[in-house]
Structure formats: structure tokens, C-alpha cells
Protein backbone atom coordinates (compact mmCIF):
# COMPACT_ATOMS: atom_id res chain seq x y z
CA MET A 1 -51.11 93.64 233.80
CA PRO A 2 -48.83 95.41 236.31
CA GLY A 3 -45.15 95.52 235.46
CA ALA A 4 -44.16 93.44 238.49
CA ALA A 5 -46.41 90.61 237.33
CA ARG A 6 -45.00 90.78 233.81
CA ASN A 7 -41.50 90.54 235.23
CA GLU A 8 -42.41 87.38 237.14
CA LEU A 9 -43.69 85.79 233.94
CA LYS A 10 -40.36 86.40 232.22
CA THR A 11 -39.11 83.23 233.90
CA LEU A 12 -41.40 81.28 231.54
CA SER A 13 -41.05 80.56 227.85
CA LYS A 14 -42.64 83.22 225.66
CA ASP A 15 -45.55 81.04 224.55
CA ASN A 16 -46.24 79.84 228.08
CA ALA A 17 -45.94 83.37 229.48
CA ASP A 18 -48.45 84.65 226.93
CA ASN A 19 -50.88 81.86 227.77
CA VAL A 20 -50.56 82.41 231.52
CA ALA A 21 -50.91 86.18 231.10
CA ARG A 22 -54.19 85.70 229.23
CA HIS A 23 -55.56 83.51 232.02
CA LEU A 24 -54.49 86.03 234.67
CA ALA A 25 -56.04 88.89 232.72
CA MET A 26 -59.32 87.01 232.42
CA ALA A 27 -59.27 86.20 236.13
CA ALA A 28 -58.84 89.87 236.95
CA ARG A 29 -61.62 90.87 234.55
CA LEU A 30 -64.11 88.29 235.84
CA ILE A 31 -63.41 88.31 239.58
CA ASP A 32 -66.29 90.65 240.46
CA ASP A 33 -68.95 89.40 238.04
CA ASP A 34 -68.13 85.68 237.76
CA PRO A 35 -65.69 84.62 240.49
CA ALA A 36 -66.15 80.93 239.73
CA LEU A 37 -65.00 81.38 236.13
CA ALA A 38 -62.22 83.68 237.31
CA HIS A 39 -61.07 80.89 239.61
CA GLN A 40 -61.00 78.43 236.73
CA HIS A 41 -58.75 80.77 234.77
CA ALA A 42 -56.48 81.11 237.81
CA LEU A 43 -56.27 77.34 238.17
CA ALA A 44 -55.45 77.00 234.46
CA ALA A 45 -52.63 79.50 234.90
CA SER A 46 -51.39 77.57 237.92
CA ARG A 47 -51.19 74.34 235.93
CA SER A 48 -48.79 76.06 233.55
CA ALA A 49 -46.86 78.23 236.02
CA GLY A 50 -47.24 76.88 239.52
CA ARG A 51 -43.94 78.32 240.73
CA VAL A 52 -44.75 81.92 239.82
CA GLY A 53 -45.79 84.05 242.78
CA VAL A 54 -48.41 86.17 241.03
CA VAL A 55 -50.09 83.01 239.75
CA ARG A 56 -50.39 81.49 243.23
CA GLU A 57 -51.61 84.85 244.51
CA THR A 58 -54.33 84.92 241.86
CA VAL A 59 -55.42 81.39 242.71
CA ALA A 60 -55.66 82.46 246.36
CA ILE A 61 -57.69 85.58 245.64
CA THR A 62 -60.14 83.75 243.40
CA ALA A 63 -60.41 80.85 245.86
CA TYR A 64 -61.29 83.36 248.58
CA ALA A 65 -63.87 84.92 246.25
CA VAL A 66 -65.65 81.58 245.78
CA GLY A 67 -65.48 80.75 249.49
CA ASP A 68 -62.77 78.09 249.39
CA PHE A 69 -60.89 79.53 252.34
CA ALA A 70 -58.75 76.44 252.96
CA LEU A 71 -57.37 76.60 249.42
CA ALA A 72 -56.94 80.35 249.71
CA LEU A 73 -54.82 79.84 252.84
CA ARG A 74 -52.60 77.23 251.19
CA GLU A 75 -52.06 79.39 248.14
CA LEU A 76 -51.44 82.54 250.18
CA ARG A 77 -48.78 80.77 252.22
CA THR A 78 -47.16 79.46 249.06
CA HIS A 79 -47.21 82.95 247.58
CA ARG A 80 -45.57 84.37 250.71
CA ARG A 81 -42.92 81.64 250.65
CA ILE A 82 -42.13 82.29 246.97
CA THR A 83 -42.10 86.09 247.15
CA GLY A 84 -41.31 86.89 250.78
CA SER A 85 -44.12 89.42 250.69
CA ASP A 86 -46.63 90.10 253.50
CA GLU A 87 -48.87 92.23 251.30
CA GLN A 88 -51.62 89.58 251.38
CA LEU A 89 -51.56 89.26 255.17
CA PRO A 90 -55.08 90.73 255.55
CA LEU A 91 -56.41 88.03 253.24
CA ILE A 92 -54.59 85.37 255.28
CA VAL A 93 -56.27 86.71 258.43
CA ASP A 94 -59.67 86.74 256.74
CA SER A 95 -59.15 83.24 255.36
CA GLU A 96 -58.35 81.97 258.85
CA ARG A 97 -61.64 83.50 259.92
CA GLY A 98 -63.29 81.78 256.98
CA VAL A 99 -62.19 78.34 258.17
CA GLY A 100 -63.44 79.13 261.67
CA ARG A 101 -60.17 80.00 263.40
CA PRO A 102 -60.45 83.62 264.61
CA ASP A 103 -57.86 83.01 267.33
CA ARG A 104 -55.36 81.85 264.70
CA ALA A 105 -56.34 84.84 262.57
CA LEU A 106 -55.31 87.19 265.37
CA GLU A 107 -52.03 85.34 265.82
CA GLU A 108 -51.26 85.72 262.12
CA GLY A 109 -52.00 89.43 262.24
CA ARG A 110 -49.83 90.02 265.29
CA ALA A 111 -46.89 88.05 263.90
CA VAL A 112 -45.85 90.79 261.46
CA ASP A 113 -44.45 94.23 262.23
CA ARG A 114 -47.13 96.53 260.85
CA SER A 115 -44.65 99.33 260.27
CA THR A 116 -43.19 97.22 257.44
CA LEU A 117 -46.52 97.14 255.60
CA SER A 118 -47.85 99.69 253.15
CA VAL A 119 -50.63 101.94 254.43
CA PRO A 120 -53.44 100.26 252.45
CA VAL A 121 -52.34 96.85 253.73
CA ARG A 122 -52.17 98.12 257.32
CA VAL A 123 -55.71 99.41 257.01
CA GLN A 124 -56.98 96.16 255.50
CA LEU A 125 -55.26 94.26 258.29
CA ALA A 126 -56.95 96.41 260.94
CA ILE A 127 -60.33 95.66 259.34
CA ALA A 128 -59.59 91.92 259.25
CA MET A 129 -58.39 91.90 262.85
CA SER A 130 -61.51 93.78 263.90
CA GLY A 131 -63.62 91.14 262.17
CA ALA A 132 -61.80 88.39 264.05
CA ARG A 133 -62.57 90.18 267.32
CA LEU A 134 -66.24 90.27 266.36
CA ASP A 135 -66.11 86.55 265.60
CA LEU A 136 -64.91 86.03 269.18
CA GLY A 137 -67.68 88.20 270.61
CA GLN A 138 -65.33 91.06 271.52
CA PRO A 139 -66.90 94.20 269.99
CA ASP A 140 -65.05 96.61 272.31
CA ARG A 141 -61.72 95.18 271.23
CA ALA A 142 -62.94 95.11 267.63
CA LEU A 143 -63.40 98.87 267.85
CA GLN A 144 -59.92 99.24 269.32
CA GLU A 145 -58.45 97.44 266.30
CA LEU A 146 -59.92 100.20 264.13
CA GLU A 147 -58.48 103.06 266.19
CA ILE A 148 -55.73 103.82 263.69
CA PRO A 149 -54.43 107.13 262.34
CA GLU A 150 -55.92 106.41 258.91
CA ALA A 151 -59.46 106.55 260.36
CA ASP A 152 -59.80 110.27 259.59
CA PRO A 153 -63.54 110.97 259.22
CA ASP A 154 -63.01 114.17 257.24
CA ARG A 155 -60.78 112.88 254.44
CA ALA A 156 -61.06 109.93 252.08
CA PHE A 157 -58.27 107.81 250.73
CA GLU A 158 -58.66 104.63 248.69
CA TRP A 159 -59.05 102.58 251.87
CA SER A 160 -61.49 104.91 253.65
CA PRO A 161 -64.90 103.56 252.52
CA ALA A 162 -64.12 100.04 253.76
CA LEU A 163 -62.58 101.36 256.98
CA PHE A 164 -65.53 103.64 257.71
CA SER A 165 -68.02 100.84 257.00
CA ALA A 166 -66.13 98.46 259.28
CA ARG A 167 -66.28 101.01 262.07
CA ALA A 168 -70.00 101.49 261.47
CA ALA A 169 -70.57 97.73 261.74
CA VAL A 170 -68.74 97.52 265.07
CA LEU A 171 -70.58 100.54 266.47
CA GLU A 172 -73.88 98.97 265.47
CA GLU A 173 -72.83 95.77 267.25
CA LEU A 174 -72.17 97.88 270.33
CA GLY A 175 -75.63 99.42 270.11
CA ARG A 176 -74.32 102.88 269.22
CA GLU A 177 -76.69 103.24 266.30
CA SER A 178 -76.48 107.00 265.72
CA GLU A 179 -72.68 106.86 265.52
CA ALA A 180 -72.90 103.84 263.25
CA ALA A 181 -75.23 105.68 260.89
CA GLU A 182 -72.87 108.67 260.76
CA TRP A 183 -69.86 106.52 259.87
CA GLU A 184 -71.84 104.67 257.22
CA ARG A 185 -72.89 108.00 255.76
CA ARG A 186 -69.27 109.07 255.62
CA ALA A 187 -68.37 105.77 253.94
CA ASP A 188 -70.92 106.47 251.19
CA ILE A 189 -69.70 110.03 250.74
CA ALA A 190 -66.08 108.89 250.59
CA ALA A 191 -66.84 106.22 247.99
CA GLU A 192 -68.73 108.64 245.76
CA ALA A 193 -66.09 111.34 246.13
CA LEU A 194 -63.29 108.93 245.25
CA ASP A 195 -65.19 107.68 242.20
CA ALA A 196 -65.72 111.24 241.04
CA ALA A 197 -62.08 112.11 241.71
CA ALA A 198 -60.99 109.14 239.62
CA GLY A 199 -63.17 110.41 236.78
CA ILE A 200 -61.50 113.81 236.94
CA ALA A 201 -58.03 112.26 237.01
CA ASP A 202 -58.75 110.15 233.95
CA ARG A 203 -59.63 113.08 231.69
CA GLU A 204 -57.14 113.79 228.95
CA VAL A 205 -57.80 117.53 229.29
CA ILE A 206 -58.23 119.14 232.69
CA VAL A 207 -59.69 122.63 233.06
CA VAL A 208 -57.07 124.93 234.54
CA GLU A 209 -59.27 126.01 237.44
CA GLU A 210 -59.35 122.42 238.65
CA ILE A 211 -55.71 122.77 239.67
CA ASP A 212 -56.99 124.45 242.80
CA LEU A 213 -58.66 121.18 243.77
CA ILE A 214 -55.41 119.25 244.03
CA ASP A 215 -53.29 119.05 247.17
CA ASP A 216 -50.35 116.86 248.20
CA ASP A 217 -52.03 114.65 250.81
CA GLY A 218 -53.72 112.08 248.58
CA ALA A 219 -57.14 112.71 250.10
CA VAL A 220 -60.67 113.81 249.26
CA ASP A 221 -62.34 116.25 251.67
CA VAL A 222 -65.53 114.55 252.84
CA ALA A 223 -66.35 116.69 255.87
CA SER A 224 -68.97 118.77 254.05
CA GLY A 225 -70.69 115.86 252.34
CA PHE A 226 -70.31 117.44 248.90
CA ILE A 227 -69.23 115.31 245.96
CA PRO A 228 -67.06 116.39 242.99
CA VAL A 229 -68.65 116.49 239.54
CA GLU A 230 -67.85 113.45 237.41
CA ASP A 231 -67.44 113.84 233.66
CA GLU A 232 -69.70 111.52 231.67
CA ALA A 233 -66.86 110.98 229.24
CA SER A 234 -64.47 109.64 231.85
CA ASP A 235 -63.00 106.21 231.33
CA SER A 236 -64.81 103.12 232.52
CA VAL A 237 -64.20 101.46 235.88
CA ASP A 238 -62.68 98.49 234.07
CA ASP A 239 -60.10 100.76 232.43
CA ARG A 240 -59.19 102.31 235.76
CA ALA A 241 -58.88 98.89 237.38
CA GLU A 242 -55.95 98.11 235.11
CA GLU A 243 -53.88 100.91 236.64
CA SER A 244 -51.02 99.96 238.94
CA VAL A 245 -52.06 99.28 242.52
CA ASP A 246 -49.10 101.42 243.59
CA ALA A 247 -50.53 104.58 242.01
CA GLU A 248 -51.36 107.35 244.44
CA PRO A 249 -55.03 108.39 244.48
CA ASP A 250 -55.80 111.81 243.03
CA VAL A 251 -57.00 114.45 245.40
CA VAL A 252 -60.14 116.52 245.14
CA ASP A 253 -61.55 119.17 247.44
CA ALA A 254 -65.17 118.07 247.35
CA GLU A 255 -66.60 121.34 248.61
CA SER A 256 -64.79 123.47 246.02
CA SER A 257 -65.92 121.13 243.29
CA GLU A 258 -69.53 121.36 244.39
CA GLY A 259 -69.32 125.15 244.31
CA ARG A 260 -68.09 125.02 240.73
CA LYS A 261 -70.94 122.66 239.91
CA GLU A 262 -73.47 125.20 241.22
CA GLY A 263 -71.86 127.95 239.13
CA GLU A 264 -72.16 125.88 235.97
CA ARG A 265 -75.89 125.55 236.56
């Protein structure tokens, strides 16, 4: 559990904090494979710690995962009131879409100064706003929502696969099928490159020559379409998921890695 969440639970008694932490951990573990059970764990945590921000946030996320967008909205607003954080604004926008209010979704997204948001949240918000435009039958404006500096087709950050796929969906809606296919291809390449980069970063021992693959930009080079080699002994996805969400993604030059792969053969 991230340190910030542990700090929030310190307001509870030790026994209660331990119980709530177990429910939150189970919710995080189950959210992808069994969202309904994850939601039950989140609700159990809420019954014991309803005034803790991370608990209300978890209820919101799991409610969204099971399609209860009205509950997700209520919990997200409570979380924002408790914490003062706008980090879940993209989910608020998407939840408004989920209850059939794309106009309200756009209002929510425009109500916050985007410069105050972290880069991943700004990207997620752009994707959500683009979706609301599509809901309103405005594909041209949906594409405009995605015209952000982070939409660099030649580099991949943690947010790039979703951003590239969203752009592909809008282009397809506009009938620009060849462009849509190219952006979807880049989304696939970015996702695979990032997975491979995560595998390299998780190794306890890194070959010295791999130092040349690391730069300071936090990106994976996806222009060439080559993918870094992933070590079979790298940690599991579940282990990586427990890392802090604030951690910067490792950087891999995909083309250099592919060349090393060929040499090993």
C-alpha cells in the first residue's frame, strides 16, 4: 500500500487500520479479475472507515469498475471534499458520461485549471473529455481534445498507449482509417515497449551495457517499432502494480535494445 494511504489510516485505531488495510489491499488485487468482489471489499472498508479519503476513493474506483456510475460520482465527490484533491477528475468526467450527462462531464473537466494537475491526470482528462465529445456526436472536437503536447507518436510514457488508442478511435469515427490504424499500431508498440522496460527496471542486476539505454526524459522510443528484450525472470505484473503511482517510468531506447537482442542470437 502506498505511503500516503498508510498515513491516512493512521487516524484509525491499530486494529481497525489493519482490518481496513487488508480490505483495501484485496480490492486492489481483485479489481481487474473480479471487480464485483473488489467492490465488496471496498464497501467493507468504508463501513469501518468512511471518513478516510483513500477508502472513499477505493469505493469510487470499484463502483466505476462494476458500472455503478452514480455511486462512483458520489464517492468521488466525497473523496475530493475530504482530500481537496482533483487527481480523480478524469474518473468524475467519465462517471458523468456513464450516467448519460456528457454536457455535465465537459463542465466538470473545464472547471479545473489543468496546469495544476499532474501530467498523467491531464492526459487521462483529455481522453475523458474526448469521449464526452464523441458522446455528443462531435468527433472533430473530440480530436481537438487530444491535441496535447503529450501525444508524441515517437515516444511512450505510461499514459501513451491509452492516449494513442483514444486518438485512433476518434480518427476511425472520422473515417480516417489509415491514420487510425497507424495510431493503434503505435499504441500496441508503446504498450509492449513499456512492459519490457518495466521488466528491465525490475531486475536486481542490470548488465552494464544497458546503461546506454537510459535517458532522462522518462520515455521509450517507439518510432522504429522495435521492442526491448524482457527477462523471463522479471517480477510479475502484480508485484510491479504495488509500486508507488508517483514513480517515474524507466526509459528504454527500443531500437538499441533490439540491436542487442540480434547480437545475442
